[in-house]
Amino acid sequence: MDPDDLPTRLPWQKRPGDWVGKLRQRMASGEAPGHHGRHFVPVGVVTDSAAALPLDWVQAHSRYLRVVPMPVMIDTQIFSEGTDDVPTELALGLAMGQSVRTSRPAPGQMLRAYQELAGAGCKHIISIHLSGALSGTVEAARLGARQSPVPVTVIDSLTVALAEGFAVMDVLEAANAGASVEELALLAGRAAENHVYFAVPSLEQLRRGGRIGAVASMLGTLLNVKPILSVCDGHIVATEKIRSHARTLARLVAIAREEAAVRGPEAKLAVHYFGNEAAAREIVDELSGVSSTEVLSVPVPAVLGAHTGAGVLAVAISGGTAPPPPVASKPEPKTRPAPVRREPKAKRGDIPAAGAPPEVQVGETE
């Protein structure tokens, strides 16, 4: 591949001066890793629709990228993201209280993606997918990889949404710049360093999908707790518990600002939404200028919206120096009332001590 044919960097991608930029420069001079003056061997990248990649970016990188759609089942109908109008059908289904479920892609779908990239000339494939603790997609990828005509390295990103998608972007950019398979696998394995924080008006849909426990859902419903959720080691955790939705959104912005400051100017941010684009735009405006890259505004994929419900807002953060991963907030300590010291019940005929009032037992009459 001629270096001039490499995709143009978009605003949120790494800038010259980082290691990807250096790879580009080395490729232009014929010194890129894996080249050594020989013909460039492309590496393909496969991911799933839960990565929430912007559609225009996917289209611009379609030569060596495949996004496998994840099915969404609304009552008895099955919809495929990317081919059906799933967001509209999902919004209607949720509003009408219909049963909404999701499923992993079939291993055969993964295999077809690998075969297509092999047919496009790829000699190796990096397959990056959402957390295996939340979906069986990564297992479907492993099954499909067994029959792939070219070697496939399957990566569990341990995260979701553009926290997963940013890793896909970085890997494909590095692959186009000539990075070796080993370098790409290491880069993909750092997906867990990308963080996502989200808030939902209700925890009920997450509870129905089995992504959180019934107790957590009950807390959010009965006590009006609006937690900020995140993903840690592949699992959804509540990092903070806040009493009102308005305060939750303000705290979501504050957390994103704090983490962007730690990551530095190379931080990349994106805001996700489902049915509330105006609110997402407000958060984008609030976060504008916290890094040197544009803050993206991307709808939540239907496969994730099926579990979060309408009204979700999320911020995904990547790049720079990653802070420690989010941790689950500790449950409030259970406090028990101090034991009431009860005086022994007086027997009939006993004479109270001098100056002591006569004892009255609750529930008894004299």
Protein backbone atom coordinates (compact mmCIF):
# COMPACT_ATOMS: atom_id res chain seq x y z
CA MET A 1 0.00 0.00 0.00
CA ASP A 2 1.27 3.47 -0.87
CA PRO A 3 1.62 5.71 2.22
CA ASP A 4 -0.42 8.38 0.43
CA ASP A 5 -3.36 5.98 0.42
CA LEU A 6 -3.53 5.88 4.22
CA PRO A 7 -6.80 7.24 5.67
CA THR A 8 -6.66 10.88 6.70
CA ARG A 9 -6.63 11.43 10.45
CA LEU A 10 -9.92 12.66 11.83
CA PRO A 11 -10.06 15.23 14.68
CA TRP A 12 -10.28 12.64 17.47
CA GLN A 13 -7.40 10.48 16.23
CA LYS A 14 -3.82 10.70 17.46
CA ARG A 15 -1.78 13.58 16.19
CA PRO A 16 1.80 13.68 14.80
CA GLY A 17 4.38 13.23 17.51
CA ASP A 18 2.83 10.18 19.13
CA TRP A 19 4.00 6.66 18.30
CA VAL A 20 1.33 6.21 15.61
CA GLY A 21 2.48 9.43 13.97
CA LYS A 22 6.05 8.20 14.08
CA LEU A 23 4.96 4.94 12.45
CA ARG A 24 3.41 6.96 9.63
CA GLN A 25 6.65 8.87 9.12
CA ARG A 26 8.69 5.66 9.15
CA MET A 27 6.27 4.08 6.69
CA ALA A 28 6.65 7.03 4.33
CA SER A 29 10.40 6.48 4.38
CA GLY A 30 10.05 2.71 3.92
CA GLU A 31 11.23 1.94 7.43
CA ALA A 32 7.96 1.00 9.11
CA PRO A 33 7.94 -2.13 11.30
CA GLY A 34 7.25 -5.22 9.25
CA HIS A 35 8.15 -3.49 5.98
CA HIS A 36 11.93 -3.64 5.68
CA GLY A 37 11.53 -2.58 2.06
CA ARG A 38 9.05 -5.35 1.28
CA HIS A 39 5.44 -5.08 0.14
CA PHE A 40 3.07 -3.86 2.87
CA VAL A 41 1.02 -6.71 4.35
CA PRO A 42 -2.31 -5.38 5.65
CA VAL A 43 -3.79 -6.46 8.98
CA GLY A 44 -7.58 -6.49 9.20
CA VAL A 45 -9.68 -5.45 12.19
CA VAL A 46 -13.05 -6.89 13.20
CA THR A 47 -15.31 -5.58 15.96
CA ASP A 48 -19.00 -5.59 16.91
CA SER A 49 -21.70 -2.95 16.81
CA ALA A 50 -21.42 -2.41 20.58
CA ALA A 51 -18.20 -0.47 19.85
CA ALA A 52 -20.40 2.50 18.81
CA LEU A 53 -18.06 3.54 16.01
CA PRO A 54 -19.23 6.65 14.13
CA LEU A 55 -20.76 5.62 10.82
CA ASP A 56 -18.69 8.01 8.72
CA TRP A 57 -15.48 6.68 10.29
CA VAL A 58 -16.52 3.08 9.56
CA GLN A 59 -17.27 3.95 5.95
CA ALA A 60 -13.91 5.69 5.55
CA HIS A 61 -12.07 2.59 6.85
CA SER A 62 -14.22 -0.11 5.28
CA ARG A 63 -11.36 -1.63 3.27
CA TYR A 64 -9.76 -3.41 6.24
CA LEU A 65 -12.50 -3.06 8.88
CA ARG A 66 -15.61 -5.15 9.51
CA VAL A 67 -18.27 -4.36 12.14
CA VAL A 68 -20.38 -7.42 12.96
CA PRO A 69 -23.95 -6.40 13.88
CA MET A 70 -25.44 -7.66 17.13
CA PRO A 71 -29.10 -8.77 17.02
CA VAL A 72 -31.82 -7.06 19.06
CA MET A 73 -35.04 -8.99 19.71
CA ILE A 74 -38.23 -7.00 20.31
CA ASP A 75 -41.02 -9.37 21.25
CA THR A 76 -40.80 -12.04 18.53
CA GLN A 77 -39.02 -9.95 15.90
CA ILE A 78 -35.25 -9.93 15.41
CA PHE A 79 -33.55 -6.77 14.15
CA SER A 80 -29.96 -6.42 12.97
CA GLU A 81 -28.12 -3.20 13.73
CA GLY A 82 -26.83 -1.54 10.60
CA THR A 83 -29.40 -3.10 8.29
CA ASP A 84 -32.69 -2.34 10.07
CA ASP A 85 -33.98 0.86 11.69
CA VAL A 86 -33.30 -0.62 15.11
CA PRO A 87 -33.23 2.65 17.14
CA THR A 88 -36.79 3.53 16.11
CA GLU A 89 -38.10 0.01 16.67
CA LEU A 90 -36.32 -0.15 20.03
CA ALA A 91 -37.69 3.19 21.23
CA LEU A 92 -41.22 2.09 20.31
CA GLY A 93 -40.76 -1.31 21.94
CA LEU A 94 -39.48 0.18 25.19
CA ALA A 95 -42.27 2.78 25.26
CA MET A 96 -44.89 0.05 24.79
CA GLY A 97 -43.35 -2.18 27.46
CA GLN A 98 -42.52 -4.95 25.00
CA SER A 99 -39.97 -7.63 25.78
CA VAL A 100 -36.52 -6.49 24.63
CA ARG A 101 -33.53 -8.83 24.50
CA THR A 102 -30.16 -9.02 22.82
CA SER A 103 -27.99 -11.87 21.64
CA ARG A 104 -24.45 -12.48 20.54
CA PRO A 105 -23.70 -12.73 16.82
CA ALA A 106 -23.45 -16.26 15.45
CA PRO A 107 -19.91 -17.65 15.02
CA GLY A 108 -20.74 -17.94 11.32
CA GLN A 109 -21.12 -14.15 11.10
CA MET A 110 -17.67 -13.73 12.60
CA LEU A 111 -16.24 -16.27 10.17
CA ARG A 112 -17.74 -14.41 7.20
CA ALA A 113 -16.09 -11.19 8.38
CA TYR A 114 -12.73 -12.98 8.63
CA GLN A 115 -13.19 -14.52 5.19
CA GLU A 116 -14.00 -11.13 3.65
CA LEU A 117 -10.86 -9.55 5.08
CA ALA A 118 -8.76 -12.51 3.98
CA GLY A 119 -10.20 -12.05 0.50
CA ALA A 120 -9.20 -8.36 0.66
CA GLY A 121 -5.58 -9.42 1.17
CA CYS A 122 -5.26 -9.39 4.97
CA LYS A 123 -2.77 -11.93 6.28
CA HIS A 124 -3.74 -11.51 9.93
CA ILE A 125 -6.81 -10.16 11.77
CA ILE A 126 -7.22 -8.45 15.15
CA SER A 127 -10.76 -9.08 16.46
CA ILE A 128 -11.78 -6.72 19.30
CA HIS A 129 -15.07 -7.19 21.15
CA LEU A 130 -17.12 -6.01 24.09
CA SER A 131 -16.63 -7.44 27.55
CA GLY A 132 -17.03 -11.19 27.73
CA ALA A 133 -18.68 -10.74 31.14
CA LEU A 134 -21.55 -8.87 29.47
CA SER A 135 -21.92 -10.80 26.22
CA GLY A 136 -20.91 -14.04 24.54
CA THR A 137 -19.67 -12.15 21.49
CA VAL A 138 -15.99 -12.69 22.24
CA GLU A 139 -16.65 -16.44 22.51
CA ALA A 140 -18.44 -16.38 19.15
CA ALA A 141 -15.35 -14.67 17.72
CA ARG A 142 -13.10 -17.42 19.08
CA LEU A 143 -15.32 -20.09 17.57
CA GLY A 144 -15.35 -18.37 14.19
CA ALA A 145 -11.59 -17.84 14.30
CA ARG A 146 -11.01 -21.60 14.41
CA GLN A 147 -12.13 -21.86 10.78
CA SER A 148 -10.67 -18.58 9.54
CA PRO A 149 -8.44 -18.84 6.44
CA VAL A 150 -5.92 -16.48 8.14
CA PRO A 151 -4.76 -16.24 11.78
CA VAL A 152 -7.04 -14.24 14.09
CA THR A 153 -6.08 -12.68 17.44
CA VAL A 154 -9.25 -12.29 19.53
CA ILE A 155 -9.23 -9.56 22.19
CA ASP A 156 -11.72 -9.15 25.04
CA SER A 157 -11.78 -5.36 25.46
CA LEU A 158 -13.29 -5.69 28.98
CA THR A 159 -15.42 -2.65 28.20
CA VAL A 160 -18.22 -1.33 25.94
CA ALA A 161 -19.29 1.57 23.71
CA LEU A 162 -16.58 3.93 22.46
CA ALA A 163 -14.31 2.85 25.29
CA GLU A 164 -14.14 -0.28 23.13
CA GLY A 165 -14.41 1.69 19.91
CA PHE A 166 -11.49 4.00 20.65
CA ALA A 167 -9.27 0.91 20.92
CA VAL A 168 -10.53 -0.25 17.51
CA MET A 169 -9.69 3.17 16.05
CA ASP A 170 -6.19 3.12 17.50
CA VAL A 171 -5.47 -0.42 16.29
CA LEU A 172 -6.68 0.22 12.76
CA GLU A 173 -4.73 3.48 12.58
CA ALA A 174 -1.59 1.70 13.77
CA ALA A 175 -2.20 -1.20 11.37
CA ASN A 176 -2.45 1.21 8.45
CA ALA A 177 0.79 2.82 9.62
CA GLY A 178 2.57 -0.53 9.42
CA ALA A 179 2.69 -1.73 13.02
CA SER A 180 3.45 -5.40 13.56
CA VAL A 181 0.84 -7.93 14.69
CA GLU A 182 2.53 -8.09 18.10
CA GLU A 183 2.35 -4.31 18.50
CA LEU A 184 -1.29 -4.29 17.44
CA ALA A 185 -2.22 -7.04 19.90
CA LEU A 186 -0.56 -5.12 22.74
CA LEU A 187 -2.36 -1.94 21.72
CA ALA A 188 -5.72 -3.74 21.56
CA GLY A 189 -5.07 -5.27 24.97
CA ARG A 190 -4.94 -1.77 26.45
CA ALA A 191 -8.64 -1.23 25.69
CA ALA A 192 -9.46 -1.70 29.39
CA GLU A 193 -7.50 1.51 30.06
CA ASN A 194 -10.31 3.34 28.26
CA HIS A 195 -13.16 4.21 30.60
CA VAL A 196 -16.87 4.79 30.20
CA TYR A 197 -19.22 6.40 32.71
CA PHE A 198 -22.98 6.46 32.26
CA ALA A 199 -26.18 7.46 33.98
CA VAL A 200 -29.68 6.12 33.36
CA PRO A 201 -33.03 7.48 34.56
CA SER A 202 -33.99 3.98 35.73
CA LEU A 203 -32.07 0.82 36.53
CA GLU A 204 -35.01 -1.42 35.67
CA GLN A 205 -33.96 -2.23 32.11
CA LEU A 206 -30.46 -3.19 33.26
CA ARG A 207 -32.00 -5.42 35.91
CA ARG A 208 -34.26 -7.14 33.38
CA GLY A 209 -31.27 -7.86 31.17
CA GLY A 210 -29.39 -9.41 34.09
CA ARG A 211 -26.61 -6.78 33.96
CA ILE A 212 -27.15 -5.65 37.57
CA GLY A 213 -28.69 -7.29 40.60
CA ALA A 214 -32.28 -6.92 41.70
CA VAL A 215 -31.11 -5.24 44.92
CA ALA A 216 -29.33 -2.46 43.02
CA SER A 217 -32.45 -1.89 40.93
CA MET A 218 -34.58 -1.73 44.07
CA LEU A 219 -32.27 0.87 45.60
CA GLY A 220 -32.52 3.04 42.52
CA THR A 221 -36.31 2.77 42.47
CA LEU A 222 -37.26 2.99 46.12
CA LEU A 223 -34.63 5.37 47.42
CA ASN A 224 -34.36 7.52 44.29
CA VAL A 225 -30.66 6.74 44.03
CA LYS A 226 -29.26 7.66 40.60
CA PRO A 227 -25.86 5.97 40.46
CA ILE A 228 -23.09 6.75 38.05
CA LEU A 229 -22.21 3.42 36.48
CA SER A 230 -18.99 2.31 34.87
CA VAL A 231 -17.24 -0.86 33.73
CA CYS A 232 -14.49 -2.41 35.84
CA ASP A 233 -12.80 -5.68 34.86
CA GLY A 234 -15.60 -6.18 32.34
CA HIS A 235 -18.45 -5.83 34.84
CA ILE A 236 -20.90 -2.96 35.36
CA VAL A 237 -20.33 -1.30 38.72
CA ALA A 238 -21.84 1.69 40.52
CA THR A 239 -19.00 4.12 41.18
CA GLU A 240 -21.06 6.83 42.88
CA LYS A 241 -24.58 7.05 44.27
CA ILE A 242 -26.37 10.36 43.90
CA ARG A 243 -29.89 11.36 44.89
CA SER A 244 -31.15 13.24 41.83
CA HIS A 245 -30.78 12.85 38.07
CA ALA A 246 -29.74 16.51 37.64
CA ARG A 247 -26.91 16.08 40.14
CA THR A 248 -25.91 12.85 38.43
CA LEU A 249 -25.43 14.60 35.09
CA ALA A 250 -23.41 17.39 36.70
CA ARG A 251 -21.23 14.80 38.40
CA LEU A 252 -20.84 12.91 35.09
CA VAL A 253 -19.37 16.05 33.54
CA ALA A 254 -17.12 16.62 36.56
CA ILE A 255 -15.76 13.05 36.43
CA ALA A 256 -15.01 13.42 32.71
CA ARG A 257 -13.21 16.71 33.31
CA GLU A 258 -11.16 15.24 36.15
CA GLU A 259 -10.08 12.21 34.12
CA ALA A 260 -9.33 14.28 31.02
CA ALA A 261 -7.04 16.47 33.14
CA VAL A 262 -5.14 13.35 34.27
CA ARG A 263 -4.86 11.97 30.74
CA GLY A 264 -3.57 15.23 29.35
CA PRO A 265 -4.11 16.98 26.00
CA GLU A 266 -4.15 13.70 24.06
CA ALA A 267 -7.34 12.60 25.85
CA LYS A 268 -10.21 11.65 23.53
CA LEU A 269 -13.82 11.98 24.69
CA ALA A 270 -17.21 11.01 23.32
CA VAL A 271 -20.74 11.50 24.63
CA HIS A 272 -23.37 8.80 24.05
CA TYR A 273 -27.13 9.28 24.19
CA PHE A 274 -30.41 7.56 23.40
CA GLY A 275 -33.45 9.72 22.69
CA ASN A 276 -31.97 12.84 24.34
CA GLU A 277 -29.55 14.38 21.86
CA ALA A 278 -30.10 17.91 23.21
CA ALA A 279 -28.85 16.86 26.66
CA ALA A 280 -25.85 15.18 25.04
CA ARG A 281 -25.03 18.37 23.17
CA GLU A 282 -25.04 20.27 26.46
CA ILE A 283 -22.50 17.83 27.88
CA VAL A 284 -20.38 18.13 24.73
CA ASP A 285 -20.36 21.91 25.20
CA GLU A 286 -19.40 21.51 28.86
CA LEU A 287 -16.47 19.26 27.91
CA SER A 288 -15.32 21.34 24.96
CA GLY A 289 -11.72 22.40 25.38
CA VAL A 290 -10.74 19.83 28.02
CA SER A 291 -8.44 18.18 25.48
CA SER A 292 -6.87 19.00 22.14
CA THR A 293 -9.30 16.77 20.25
CA GLU A 294 -12.94 17.18 19.31
CA VAL A 295 -15.54 15.75 21.71
CA LEU A 296 -17.71 13.36 19.71
CA SER A 297 -21.47 12.98 20.06
CA VAL A 298 -22.54 9.44 19.11
CA PRO A 299 -25.87 7.63 19.68
CA VAL A 300 -25.80 4.60 21.94
CA PRO A 301 -25.86 1.43 19.80
CA ALA A 302 -29.22 -0.31 19.93
CA VAL A 303 -27.65 -3.40 21.51
CA LEU A 304 -26.63 -1.23 24.48
CA GLY A 305 -29.75 0.94 24.49
CA ALA A 306 -31.79 -2.24 24.87
CA HIS A 307 -30.22 -2.62 28.33
CA THR A 308 -29.90 1.00 29.45
CA GLY A 309 -33.29 2.17 28.23
CA ALA A 310 -34.12 5.61 26.83
CA GLY A 311 -32.56 8.66 28.43
CA VAL A 312 -29.10 7.21 29.03
CA LEU A 313 -26.14 9.57 28.87
CA ALA A 314 -22.56 8.34 28.85
CA VAL A 315 -19.03 9.66 28.47
CA ALA A 316 -16.23 7.50 27.03
CA ILE A 317 -12.62 8.55 27.60
CA SER A 318 -9.39 7.31 26.03
CA GLY A 319 -5.82 8.34 25.29
CA GLY A 320 -3.03 9.96 27.22
CA THR A 321 -1.95 8.66 30.61
CA ALA A 322 -4.71 6.41 31.89
CA PRO A 323 -5.70 6.78 35.56
CA PRO A 324 -6.57 3.73 37.69
CA PRO A 325 -9.78 1.96 36.61
CA PRO A 326 -13.10 2.92 38.19
CA VAL A 327 -13.97 0.99 41.32
CA ALA A 328 -17.32 0.08 42.78
CA SER A 329 -18.53 2.36 45.54
CA LYS A 330 -18.58 0.68 48.91
CA PRO A 331 -22.01 -0.11 50.30
CA GLU A 332 -23.10 2.12 53.14
CA PRO A 333 -22.37 0.48 56.49
CA LYS A 334 -25.36 -1.11 58.08
CA THR A 335 -26.09 0.67 61.33
CA ARG A 336 -28.22 -0.91 63.99
CA PRO A 337 -30.05 1.07 66.65
CA ALA A 338 -28.52 0.89 70.08
CA PRO A 339 -30.14 -1.88 72.11
CA VAL A 340 -32.81 -0.66 74.47
CA ARG A 341 -32.08 -1.63 78.00
CA ARG A 342 -35.21 -3.01 79.55
CA GLU A 343 -35.69 -3.19 83.26
CA PRO A 344 -36.94 -6.52 84.53
CA LYS A 345 -40.67 -6.64 84.73
CA ALA A 346 -41.87 -5.96 88.24
CA LYS A 347 -43.72 -8.71 89.97
CA ARG A 348 -47.01 -8.08 91.62
CA GLY A 349 -46.46 -7.03 95.16
CA ASP A 350 -43.00 -5.53 94.54
CA ILE A 351 -42.54 -2.06 95.96
CA PRO A 352 -40.78 0.47 93.68
CA ALA A 353 -37.60 2.06 94.95
CA ALA A 354 -38.01 5.32 96.71
CA GLY A 355 -38.39 8.21 94.25
CA ALA A 356 -38.76 5.94 91.22
CA PRO A 357 -41.85 6.37 89.06
CA PRO A 358 -44.11 3.37 88.70
CA GLU A 359 -43.16 1.24 85.68
CA VAL A 360 -45.64 1.09 82.79
CA GLN A 361 -45.29 -1.73 80.25
CA VAL A 362 -46.25 -0.80 76.70
CA GLY A 363 -49.26 -2.72 75.58
CA GLU A 364 -50.46 -3.43 79.09
CA THR A 365 -53.01 -1.62 81.13
CA GLU A 366 -53.17 -1.35 84.83
